[in-house]
Full PDB file with SEQRES, HELIX, SHEET, SSBOND, CRYST1, ORIGX, SCALE, CONECT and MASTER records, all heavy atoms in Angstrom:
SEQRES   1 A   37  ARG GLN ALA PRO GLY LYS GLN ARG GLU LEU VAL ALA ARG          
SEQRES   2 A   37  ILE ILE GLY GLY GLY ILE THR ASN TYR GLY ASP SER VAL          
SEQRES   3 A   37  LYS ASP ARG PHE ALA ILE SER ARG ASP ASN ALA                  
SHEET    1 AA1 2 ALA A  12  ILE A  14  0                                        
SHEET    2 AA1 2 THR A  20  TYR A  22 -1                                        
CRYST1    1.000    1.000    1.000  90.00  90.00  90.00 P 1           1          
ORIGX1      1.000000  0.000000  0.000000        0.00000                         
ORIGX2      0.000000  1.000000  0.000000        0.00000                         
ORIGX3      0.000000  0.000000  1.000000        0.00000                         
SCALE1      1.000000  0.000000  0.000000        0.00000                         
SCALE2      0.000000  1.000000  0.000000        0.00000                         
SCALE3      0.000000  0.000000  1.000000        0.00000                         
ATOM      1  N   ARG A   1      21.183 -13.183 -10.158  1.00  0.00           N  
ATOM      2  CA  ARG A   1      22.484 -13.277  -9.464  1.00  0.00           C  
ATOM      3  C   ARG A   1      22.557 -14.733  -8.787  1.00  0.00           C  
ATOM      4  O   ARG A   1      21.516 -15.301  -8.433  1.00  0.00           O  
ATOM      5  CB  ARG A   1      22.632 -12.162  -8.428  1.00  0.00           C  
ATOM      6  CG  ARG A   1      21.713 -12.236  -7.212  1.00  0.00           C  
ATOM      7  CD  ARG A   1      21.957 -10.950  -6.400  1.00  0.00           C  
ATOM      8  NE  ARG A   1      21.083 -11.005  -5.181  1.00  0.00           N  
ATOM      9  CZ  ARG A   1      20.985  -9.960  -4.380  1.00  0.00           C  
ATOM     10  NH1 ARG A   1      21.672  -8.791  -4.636  1.00  0.00           N  
ATOM     11  NH2 ARG A   1      20.175 -10.012  -3.356  1.00  0.00           N  
ATOM     12  N   GLN A   2      23.751 -15.103  -8.542  1.00  0.00           N  
ATOM     13  CA  GLN A   2      23.965 -16.351  -7.854  1.00  0.00           C  
ATOM     14  C   GLN A   2      25.259 -16.322  -7.039  1.00  0.00           C  
ATOM     15  O   GLN A   2      26.317 -15.981  -7.567  1.00  0.00           O  
ATOM     16  CB  GLN A   2      24.116 -17.509  -8.868  1.00  0.00           C  
ATOM     17  CG  GLN A   2      24.170 -18.831  -8.203  1.00  0.00           C  
ATOM     18  CD  GLN A   2      23.990 -20.058  -9.203  1.00  0.00           C  
ATOM     19  OE1 GLN A   2      24.389 -19.934 -10.298  1.00  0.00           O  
ATOM     20  NE2 GLN A   2      23.492 -21.171  -8.749  1.00  0.00           N  
ATOM     21  N   ALA A   3      25.002 -16.546  -5.760  1.00  0.00           N  
ATOM     22  CA  ALA A   3      26.220 -16.646  -4.832  1.00  0.00           C  
ATOM     23  C   ALA A   3      26.611 -18.022  -4.663  1.00  0.00           C  
ATOM     24  O   ALA A   3      25.784 -18.953  -4.862  1.00  0.00           O  
ATOM     25  CB  ALA A   3      25.841 -16.025  -3.480  1.00  0.00           C  
ATOM     26  N   PRO A   4      27.853 -18.297  -4.304  1.00  0.00           N  
ATOM     27  CA  PRO A   4      28.281 -19.739  -4.108  1.00  0.00           C  
ATOM     28  C   PRO A   4      27.367 -20.512  -3.146  1.00  0.00           C  
ATOM     29  O   PRO A   4      27.126 -20.039  -2.027  1.00  0.00           O  
ATOM     30  CB  PRO A   4      29.685 -19.636  -3.568  1.00  0.00           C  
ATOM     31  CG  PRO A   4      30.161 -18.297  -4.007  1.00  0.00           C  
ATOM     32  CD  PRO A   4      28.910 -17.372  -4.037  1.00  0.00           C  
ATOM     33  N   GLY A   5      26.965 -21.697  -3.544  1.00  0.00           N  
ATOM     34  CA  GLY A   5      26.097 -22.533  -2.769  1.00  0.00           C  
ATOM     35  C   GLY A   5      24.673 -22.098  -2.670  1.00  0.00           C  
ATOM     36  O   GLY A   5      23.930 -22.661  -1.966  1.00  0.00           O  
ATOM     37  N   LYS A   6      24.264 -21.052  -3.425  1.00  0.00           N  
ATOM     38  CA  LYS A   6      22.993 -20.544  -3.418  1.00  0.00           C  
ATOM     39  C   LYS A   6      22.267 -20.723  -4.761  1.00  0.00           C  
ATOM     40  O   LYS A   6      22.850 -20.946  -5.742  1.00  0.00           O  
ATOM     41  CB  LYS A   6      22.936 -19.056  -3.027  1.00  0.00           C  
ATOM     42  CG  LYS A   6      23.697 -18.781  -1.755  1.00  0.00           C  
ATOM     43  CD  LYS A   6      22.892 -19.290  -0.524  1.00  0.00           C  
ATOM     44  CE  LYS A   6      23.549 -18.867   0.746  1.00  0.00           C  
ATOM     45  NZ  LYS A   6      22.868 -19.436   2.029  1.00  0.00           N  
ATOM     46  N   GLN A   7      20.990 -20.640  -4.672  1.00  0.00           N  
ATOM     47  CA  GLN A   7      20.196 -20.743  -5.900  1.00  0.00           C  
ATOM     48  C   GLN A   7      20.243 -19.383  -6.619  1.00  0.00           C  
ATOM     49  O   GLN A   7      20.423 -18.328  -6.079  1.00  0.00           O  
ATOM     50  CB  GLN A   7      18.660 -20.931  -5.513  1.00  0.00           C  
ATOM     51  CG  GLN A   7      18.420 -22.310  -5.027  1.00  0.00           C  
ATOM     52  CD  GLN A   7      17.859 -23.220  -6.157  1.00  0.00           C  
ATOM     53  OE1 GLN A   7      18.672 -23.774  -6.854  1.00  0.00           O  
ATOM     54  NE2 GLN A   7      16.560 -23.362  -6.228  1.00  0.00           N  
ATOM     55  N   ARG A   8      20.206 -19.476  -7.981  1.00  0.00           N  
ATOM     56  CA  ARG A   8      20.130 -18.272  -8.761  1.00  0.00           C  
ATOM     57  C   ARG A   8      18.774 -17.706  -8.616  1.00  0.00           C  
ATOM     58  O   ARG A   8      17.735 -18.392  -8.544  1.00  0.00           O  
ATOM     59  CB  ARG A   8      20.315 -18.673 -10.220  1.00  0.00           C  
ATOM     60  CG  ARG A   8      20.389 -17.468 -11.195  1.00  0.00           C  
ATOM     61  CD  ARG A   8      20.760 -17.904 -12.598  1.00  0.00           C  
ATOM     62  NE  ARG A   8      22.209 -18.184 -12.664  1.00  0.00           N  
ATOM     63  CZ  ARG A   8      22.837 -19.047 -13.565  1.00  0.00           C  
ATOM     64  NH1 ARG A   8      21.999 -19.757 -14.356  1.00  0.00           N  
ATOM     65  NH2 ARG A   8      24.067 -19.268 -13.550  1.00  0.00           N  
ATOM     66  N   GLU A   9      18.730 -16.292  -8.399  1.00  0.00           N  
ATOM     67  CA  GLU A   9      17.623 -15.610  -8.085  1.00  0.00           C  
ATOM     68  C   GLU A   9      17.422 -14.447  -9.064  1.00  0.00           C  
ATOM     69  O   GLU A   9      18.366 -13.786  -9.533  1.00  0.00           O  
ATOM     70  CB  GLU A   9      17.568 -15.099  -6.697  1.00  0.00           C  
ATOM     71  CG  GLU A   9      18.644 -14.165  -6.303  1.00  0.00           C  
ATOM     72  CD  GLU A   9      18.498 -13.568  -4.872  1.00  0.00           C  
ATOM     73  OE1 GLU A   9      17.452 -13.569  -4.400  1.00  0.00           O  
ATOM     74  OE2 GLU A   9      19.511 -13.113  -4.379  1.00  0.00           O  
ATOM     75  N   LEU A  10      16.227 -14.118  -9.290  1.00  0.00           N  
ATOM     76  CA  LEU A  10      15.903 -12.869 -10.091  1.00  0.00           C  
ATOM     77  C   LEU A  10      16.126 -11.611  -9.293  1.00  0.00           C  
ATOM     78  O   LEU A  10      15.586 -11.600  -8.168  1.00  0.00           O  
ATOM     79  CB  LEU A  10      14.421 -12.957 -10.599  1.00  0.00           C  
ATOM     80  CG  LEU A  10      13.972 -11.820 -11.423  1.00  0.00           C  
ATOM     81  CD1 LEU A  10      14.707 -11.655 -12.710  1.00  0.00           C  
ATOM     82  CD2 LEU A  10      12.441 -11.912 -11.661  1.00  0.00           C  
ATOM     83  N   VAL A  11      16.824 -10.695  -9.774  1.00  0.00           N  
ATOM     84  CA  VAL A  11      17.066  -9.451  -9.116  1.00  0.00           C  
ATOM     85  C   VAL A  11      16.116  -8.393  -9.627  1.00  0.00           C  
ATOM     86  O   VAL A  11      15.536  -7.648  -8.882  1.00  0.00           O  
ATOM     87  CB  VAL A  11      18.535  -9.006  -9.316  1.00  0.00           C  
ATOM     88  CG1 VAL A  11      18.777  -7.635  -8.663  1.00  0.00           C  
ATOM     89  CG2 VAL A  11      19.495 -10.045  -8.683  1.00  0.00           C  
ATOM     90  N   ALA A  12      16.015  -8.257 -10.938  1.00  0.00           N  
ATOM     91  CA  ALA A  12      15.213  -7.215 -11.557  1.00  0.00           C  
ATOM     92  C   ALA A  12      14.748  -7.690 -12.902  1.00  0.00           C  
ATOM     93  O   ALA A  12      15.473  -8.483 -13.556  1.00  0.00           O  
ATOM     94  CB  ALA A  12      15.993  -5.908 -11.588  1.00  0.00           C  
ATOM     95  N   ARG A  13      13.667  -7.152 -13.403  1.00  0.00           N  
ATOM     96  CA  ARG A  13      13.165  -7.526 -14.690  1.00  0.00           C  
ATOM     97  C   ARG A  13      12.549  -6.250 -15.312  1.00  0.00           C  
ATOM     98  O   ARG A  13      12.105  -5.346 -14.662  1.00  0.00           O  
ATOM     99  CB  ARG A  13      12.209  -8.664 -14.644  1.00  0.00           C  
ATOM    100  CG  ARG A  13      10.894  -8.270 -13.831  1.00  0.00           C  
ATOM    101  CD  ARG A  13      10.042  -9.489 -13.566  1.00  0.00           C  
ATOM    102  NE  ARG A  13       9.402  -9.946 -14.767  1.00  0.00           N  
ATOM    103  CZ  ARG A  13       8.160  -9.594 -15.211  1.00  0.00           C  
ATOM    104  NH1 ARG A  13       7.447  -8.587 -14.528  1.00  0.00           N  
ATOM    105  NH2 ARG A  13       7.685 -10.032 -16.359  1.00  0.00           N  
ATOM    106  N   ILE A  14      12.634  -6.187 -16.677  1.00  0.00           N  
ATOM    107  CA  ILE A  14      12.084  -5.172 -17.360  1.00  0.00           C  
ATOM    108  C   ILE A  14      11.402  -5.720 -18.614  1.00  0.00           C  
ATOM    109  O   ILE A  14      11.925  -6.357 -19.399  1.00  0.00           O  
ATOM    110  CB  ILE A  14      13.121  -4.043 -17.756  1.00  0.00           C  
ATOM    111  CG1 ILE A  14      12.480  -2.901 -18.478  1.00  0.00           C  
ATOM    112  CG2 ILE A  14      14.283  -4.614 -18.654  1.00  0.00           C  
ATOM    113  CD1 ILE A  14      13.387  -1.644 -18.595  1.00  0.00           C  
ATOM    114  N   ILE A  15      10.129  -5.358 -18.693  1.00  0.00           N  
ATOM    115  CA  ILE A  15       9.307  -5.808 -19.828  1.00  0.00           C  
ATOM    116  C   ILE A  15       9.558  -4.895 -21.020  1.00  0.00           C  
ATOM    117  O   ILE A  15      10.070  -3.790 -20.867  1.00  0.00           O  
ATOM    118  CB  ILE A  15       7.792  -5.848 -19.478  1.00  0.00           C  
ATOM    119  CG1 ILE A  15       7.603  -6.713 -18.254  1.00  0.00           C  
ATOM    120  CG2 ILE A  15       6.876  -6.141 -20.596  1.00  0.00           C  
ATOM    121  CD1 ILE A  15       6.203  -6.663 -17.680  1.00  0.00           C  
ATOM    122  N   GLY A  16       9.354  -5.439 -22.209  1.00  0.00           N  
ATOM    123  CA  GLY A  16       9.590  -4.660 -23.423  1.00  0.00           C  
ATOM    124  C   GLY A  16       8.922  -3.232 -23.420  1.00  0.00           C  
ATOM    125  O   GLY A  16       9.520  -2.299 -23.910  1.00  0.00           O  
ATOM    126  N   GLY A  17       7.776  -3.152 -22.761  1.00  0.00           N  
ATOM    127  CA  GLY A  17       7.120  -1.823 -22.686  1.00  0.00           C  
ATOM    128  C   GLY A  17       7.625  -0.946 -21.612  1.00  0.00           C  
ATOM    129  O   GLY A  17       7.165   0.174 -21.503  1.00  0.00           O  
ATOM    130  N   GLY A  18       8.660  -1.447 -20.838  1.00  0.00           N  
ATOM    131  CA  GLY A  18       9.337  -0.600 -19.836  1.00  0.00           C  
ATOM    132  C   GLY A  18       8.851  -0.844 -18.400  1.00  0.00           C  
ATOM    133  O   GLY A  18       9.532  -0.217 -17.517  1.00  0.00           O  
ATOM    134  N   ILE A  19       7.887  -1.693 -18.175  1.00  0.00           N  
ATOM    135  CA  ILE A  19       7.502  -1.912 -16.755  1.00  0.00           C  
ATOM    136  C   ILE A  19       8.625  -2.743 -16.051  1.00  0.00           C  
ATOM    137  O   ILE A  19       9.177  -3.617 -16.680  1.00  0.00           O  
ATOM    138  CB  ILE A  19       6.260  -2.708 -16.727  1.00  0.00           C  
ATOM    139  CG1 ILE A  19       5.074  -1.838 -17.363  1.00  0.00           C  
ATOM    140  CG2 ILE A  19       5.844  -3.088 -15.322  1.00  0.00           C  
ATOM    141  CD1 ILE A  19       3.768  -2.573 -17.552  1.00  0.00           C  
ATOM    142  N   THR A  20       8.968  -2.343 -14.852  1.00  0.00           N  
ATOM    143  CA  THR A  20      10.010  -3.067 -14.107  1.00  0.00           C  
ATOM    144  C   THR A  20       9.472  -3.688 -12.854  1.00  0.00           C  
ATOM    145  O   THR A  20       8.447  -3.232 -12.225  1.00  0.00           O  
ATOM    146  CB  THR A  20      11.099  -2.035 -13.748  1.00  0.00           C  
ATOM    147  OG1 THR A  20      10.543  -0.991 -12.927  1.00  0.00           O  
ATOM    148  CG2 THR A  20      11.732  -1.419 -15.071  1.00  0.00           C  
ATOM    149  N   ASN A  21      10.184  -4.670 -12.351  1.00  0.00           N  
ATOM    150  CA  ASN A  21       9.913  -5.313 -11.155  1.00  0.00           C  
ATOM    151  C   ASN A  21      11.222  -5.699 -10.461  1.00  0.00           C  
ATOM    152  O   ASN A  21      12.217  -5.983 -11.245  1.00  0.00           O  
ATOM    153  CB  ASN A  21       9.080  -6.553 -11.318  1.00  0.00           C  
ATOM    154  CG  ASN A  21       7.627  -6.251 -11.511  1.00  0.00           C  
ATOM    155  OD1 ASN A  21       6.871  -5.896 -10.636  1.00  0.00           O  
ATOM    156  ND2 ASN A  21       7.182  -6.383 -12.817  1.00  0.00           N  
ATOM    157  N   TYR A  22      11.247  -5.710  -9.097  1.00  0.00           N  
ATOM    158  CA  TYR A  22      12.448  -5.987  -8.374  1.00  0.00           C  
ATOM    159  C   TYR A  22      12.195  -6.977  -7.251  1.00  0.00           C  
ATOM    160  O   TYR A  22      11.174  -7.019  -6.679  1.00  0.00           O  
ATOM    161  CB  TYR A  22      13.026  -4.636  -7.776  1.00  0.00           C  
ATOM    162  CG  TYR A  22      13.289  -3.586  -8.911  1.00  0.00           C  
ATOM    163  CD1 TYR A  22      12.356  -2.732  -9.205  1.00  0.00           C  
ATOM    164  CD2 TYR A  22      14.518  -3.526  -9.426  1.00  0.00           C  
ATOM    165  CE1 TYR A  22      12.597  -1.750 -10.214  1.00  0.00           C  
ATOM    166  CE2 TYR A  22      14.834  -2.639 -10.363  1.00  0.00           C  
ATOM    167  CZ  TYR A  22      13.861  -1.690 -10.794  1.00  0.00           C  
ATOM    168  OH  TYR A  22      14.125  -0.766 -11.743  1.00  0.00           O  
ATOM    169  N   GLY A  23      13.297  -7.699  -6.971  1.00  0.00           N  
ATOM    170  CA  GLY A  23      13.254  -8.569  -5.774  1.00  0.00           C  
ATOM    171  C   GLY A  23      13.172  -7.653  -4.568  1.00  0.00           C  
ATOM    172  O   GLY A  23      13.659  -6.520  -4.515  1.00  0.00           O  
ATOM    173  N   ASP A  24      12.539  -8.264  -3.520  1.00  0.00           N  
ATOM    174  CA  ASP A  24      12.365  -7.432  -2.350  1.00  0.00           C  
ATOM    175  C   ASP A  24      13.693  -6.982  -1.763  1.00  0.00           C  
ATOM    176  O   ASP A  24      13.640  -5.860  -1.113  1.00  0.00           O  
ATOM    177  CB  ASP A  24      11.558  -8.191  -1.288  1.00  0.00           C  
ATOM    178  CG  ASP A  24      10.077  -8.499  -1.700  1.00  0.00           C  
ATOM    179  OD1 ASP A  24       9.596  -7.745  -2.517  1.00  0.00           O  
ATOM    180  OD2 ASP A  24       9.484  -9.358  -1.116  1.00  0.00           O  
ATOM    181  N   SER A  25      14.764  -7.757  -1.791  1.00  0.00           N  
ATOM    182  CA  SER A  25      15.931  -7.408  -1.186  1.00  0.00           C  
ATOM    183  C   SER A  25      16.609  -6.246  -1.879  1.00  0.00           C  
ATOM    184  O   SER A  25      17.547  -5.665  -1.206  1.00  0.00           O  
ATOM    185  CB  SER A  25      16.870  -8.560  -1.065  1.00  0.00           C  
ATOM    186  OG  SER A  25      17.187  -9.008  -2.372  1.00  0.00           O  
ATOM    187  N   VAL A  26      16.258  -5.841  -3.122  1.00  0.00           N  
ATOM    188  CA  VAL A  26      16.998  -4.820  -3.806  1.00  0.00           C  
ATOM    189  C   VAL A  26      16.076  -3.662  -4.216  1.00  0.00           C  
ATOM    190  O   VAL A  26      16.566  -2.671  -4.795  1.00  0.00           O  
ATOM    191  CB  VAL A  26      17.615  -5.338  -5.092  1.00  0.00           C  
ATOM    192  CG1 VAL A  26      18.508  -6.519  -4.758  1.00  0.00           C  
ATOM    193  CG2 VAL A  26      16.579  -5.756  -6.134  1.00  0.00           C  
ATOM    194  N   LYS A  27      14.811  -3.773  -3.938  1.00  0.00           N  
ATOM    195  CA  LYS A  27      13.851  -2.778  -4.209  1.00  0.00           C  
ATOM    196  C   LYS A  27      14.295  -1.440  -3.658  1.00  0.00           C  
ATOM    197  O   LYS A  27      14.611  -1.319  -2.502  1.00  0.00           O  
ATOM    198  CB  LYS A  27      12.497  -3.188  -3.862  1.00  0.00           C  
ATOM    199  CG  LYS A  27      11.348  -2.329  -4.485  1.00  0.00           C  
ATOM    200  CD  LYS A  27       9.977  -2.910  -4.220  1.00  0.00           C  
ATOM    201  CE  LYS A  27       8.945  -2.171  -4.945  1.00  0.00           C  
ATOM    202  NZ  LYS A  27       7.571  -2.770  -4.705  1.00  0.00           N  
ATOM    203  N   ASP A  28      14.206  -0.337  -4.406  1.00  0.00           N  
ATOM    204  CA  ASP A  28      14.519   0.994  -4.016  1.00  0.00           C  
ATOM    205  C   ASP A  28      16.095   1.242  -3.954  1.00  0.00           C  
ATOM    206  O   ASP A  28      16.505   2.378  -3.632  1.00  0.00           O  
ATOM    207  CB  ASP A  28      14.004   1.367  -2.669  1.00  0.00           C  
ATOM    208  CG  ASP A  28      12.436   1.350  -2.692  1.00  0.00           C  
ATOM    209  OD1 ASP A  28      11.896   1.771  -3.662  1.00  0.00           O  
ATOM    210  OD2 ASP A  28      11.841   0.938  -1.642  1.00  0.00           O  
ATOM    211  N   ARG A  29      16.848   0.151  -4.278  1.00  0.00           N  
ATOM    212  CA  ARG A  29      18.304   0.385  -4.360  1.00  0.00           C  
ATOM    213  C   ARG A  29      18.831   0.151  -5.814  1.00  0.00           C  
ATOM    214  O   ARG A  29      19.807   0.806  -6.174  1.00  0.00           O  
ATOM    215  CB  ARG A  29      19.065  -0.624  -3.465  1.00  0.00           C  
ATOM    216  CG  ARG A  29      18.690  -0.350  -1.935  1.00  0.00           C  
ATOM    217  CD  ARG A  29      19.650  -1.177  -0.990  1.00  0.00           C  
ATOM    218  NE  ARG A  29      19.454  -2.576  -1.217  1.00  0.00           N  
ATOM    219  CZ  ARG A  29      20.378  -3.439  -1.634  1.00  0.00           C  
ATOM    220  NH1 ARG A  29      21.612  -2.967  -1.928  1.00  0.00           N  
ATOM    221  NH2 ARG A  29      20.154  -4.718  -1.746  1.00  0.00           N  
ATOM    222  N   PHE A  30      18.161  -0.770  -6.511  1.00  0.00           N  
ATOM    223  CA  PHE A  30      18.635  -1.133  -7.901  1.00  0.00           C  
ATOM    224  C   PHE A  30      17.613  -0.597  -8.854  1.00  0.00           C  
ATOM    225  O   PHE A  30      16.407  -0.417  -8.554  1.00  0.00           O  
ATOM    226  CB  PHE A  30      18.740  -2.658  -8.015  1.00  0.00           C  
ATOM    227  CG  PHE A  30      19.825  -3.275  -7.261  1.00  0.00           C  
ATOM    228  CD1 PHE A  30      20.598  -2.610  -6.330  1.00  0.00           C  
ATOM    229  CD2 PHE A  30      20.169  -4.602  -7.475  1.00  0.00           C  
ATOM    230  CE1 PHE A  30      21.607  -3.228  -5.619  1.00  0.00           C  
ATOM    231  CE2 PHE A  30      21.088  -5.237  -6.774  1.00  0.00           C  
ATOM    232  CZ  PHE A  30      21.850  -4.575  -5.832  1.00  0.00           C  
ATOM    233  N   ALA A  31      18.111  -0.334 -10.066  1.00  0.00           N  
ATOM    234  CA  ALA A  31      17.310   0.192 -11.150  1.00  0.00           C  
ATOM    235  C   ALA A  31      17.684  -0.484 -12.458  1.00  0.00           C  
ATOM    236  O   ALA A  31      18.825  -0.376 -12.799  1.00  0.00           O  
ATOM    237  CB  ALA A  31      17.222   1.618 -11.233  1.00  0.00           C  
ATOM    238  N   ILE A  32      16.758  -1.178 -13.103  1.00  0.00           N  
ATOM    239  CA  ILE A  32      17.005  -1.733 -14.395  1.00  0.00           C  
ATOM    240  C   ILE A  32      16.539  -0.805 -15.505  1.00  0.00           C  
ATOM    241  O   ILE A  32      15.478  -0.205 -15.333  1.00  0.00           O  
ATOM    242  CB  ILE A  32      16.444  -3.184 -14.527  1.00  0.00           C  
ATOM    243  CG1 ILE A  32      16.819  -3.876 -15.790  1.00  0.00           C  
ATOM    244  CG2 ILE A  32      14.865  -3.081 -14.415  1.00  0.00           C  
ATOM    245  CD1 ILE A  32      16.383  -5.344 -15.824  1.00  0.00           C  
ATOM    246  N   SER A  33      17.355  -0.730 -16.569  1.00  0.00           N  
ATOM    247  CA  SER A  33      16.916   0.007 -17.674  1.00  0.00           C  
ATOM    248  C   SER A  33      17.503  -0.619 -19.010  1.00  0.00           C  
ATOM    249  O   SER A  33      18.211  -1.542 -18.929  1.00  0.00           O  
ATOM    250  CB  SER A  33      17.393   1.493 -17.528  1.00  0.00           C  
ATOM    251  OG  SER A  33      18.854   1.522 -17.520  1.00  0.00           O  
ATOM    252  N   ARG A  34      17.062  -0.115 -20.143  1.00  0.00           N  
ATOM    253  CA  ARG A  34      17.501  -0.679 -21.382  1.00  0.00           C  
ATOM    254  C   ARG A  34      17.670   0.511 -22.444  1.00  0.00           C  
ATOM    255  O   ARG A  34      16.975   1.466 -22.420  1.00  0.00           O  
ATOM    256  CB  ARG A  34      16.521  -1.744 -21.882  1.00  0.00           C  
ATOM    257  CG  ARG A  34      15.118  -1.181 -22.194  1.00  0.00           C  
ATOM    258  CD  ARG A  34      14.157  -2.402 -22.330  1.00  0.00           C  
ATOM    259  NE  ARG A  34      14.499  -3.326 -23.285  1.00  0.00           N  
ATOM    260  CZ  ARG A  34      14.011  -4.560 -23.353  1.00  0.00           C  
ATOM    261  NH1 ARG A  34      13.079  -5.013 -22.463  1.00  0.00           N  
ATOM    262  NH2 ARG A  34      14.350  -5.378 -24.387  1.00  0.00           N  
ATOM    263  N   ASP A  35      18.641   0.240 -23.305  1.00  0.00           N  
ATOM    264  CA  ASP A  35      18.801   1.138 -24.395  1.00  0.00           C  
ATOM    265  C   ASP A  35      18.788   0.270 -25.698  1.00  0.00           C  
ATOM    266  O   ASP A  35      19.686  -0.414 -26.041  1.00  0.00           O  
ATOM    267  CB  ASP A  35      20.212   1.791 -24.254  1.00  0.00           C  
ATOM    268  CG  ASP A  35      20.438   2.822 -25.396  1.00  0.00           C  
ATOM    269  OD1 ASP A  35      19.822   2.720 -26.502  1.00  0.00           O  
ATOM    270  OD2 ASP A  35      21.346   3.772 -25.158  1.00  0.00           O  
ATOM    271  N   ASN A  36      17.699   0.378 -26.291  1.00  0.00           N  
ATOM    272  CA  ASN A  36      17.391  -0.545 -27.466  1.00  0.00           C  
ATOM    273  C   ASN A  36      18.286  -0.300 -28.656  1.00  0.00           C  
ATOM    274  O   ASN A  36      18.667  -1.193 -29.391  1.00  0.00           O  
ATOM    275  CB  ASN A  36      15.926  -0.470 -27.902  1.00  0.00           C  
ATOM    276  CG  ASN A  36      15.062  -1.045 -26.862  1.00  0.00           C  
ATOM    277  OD1 ASN A  36      15.335  -1.931 -26.078  1.00  0.00           O  
ATOM    278  ND2 ASN A  36      13.801  -0.550 -26.776  1.00  0.00           N  
ATOM    279  N   ALA A  37      18.699   0.991 -28.832  1.00  0.00           N  
ATOM    280  CA  ALA A  37      19.660   1.347 -29.859  1.00  0.00           C  
ATOM    281  C   ALA A  37      20.982   0.716 -29.719  1.00  0.00           C  
ATOM    282  O   ALA A  37      21.658   0.439 -30.725  1.00  0.00           O  
ATOM    283  CB  ALA A  37      19.799   2.867 -29.929  1.00  0.00           C  
TER     284      ALA A  37                                                      
MASTER        0    0    0    0    2    0    0    6  283    1    0    3          
END                                                                             
């Protein structure tokens, strides 16, 4: 995500195997997922 005048930052990531990581500011509020089909 990127807000005006701010650096673009990573919010969440998901590895191919399904492991996820979140930025501290969104952890426990956001969830990343994928549907490969």
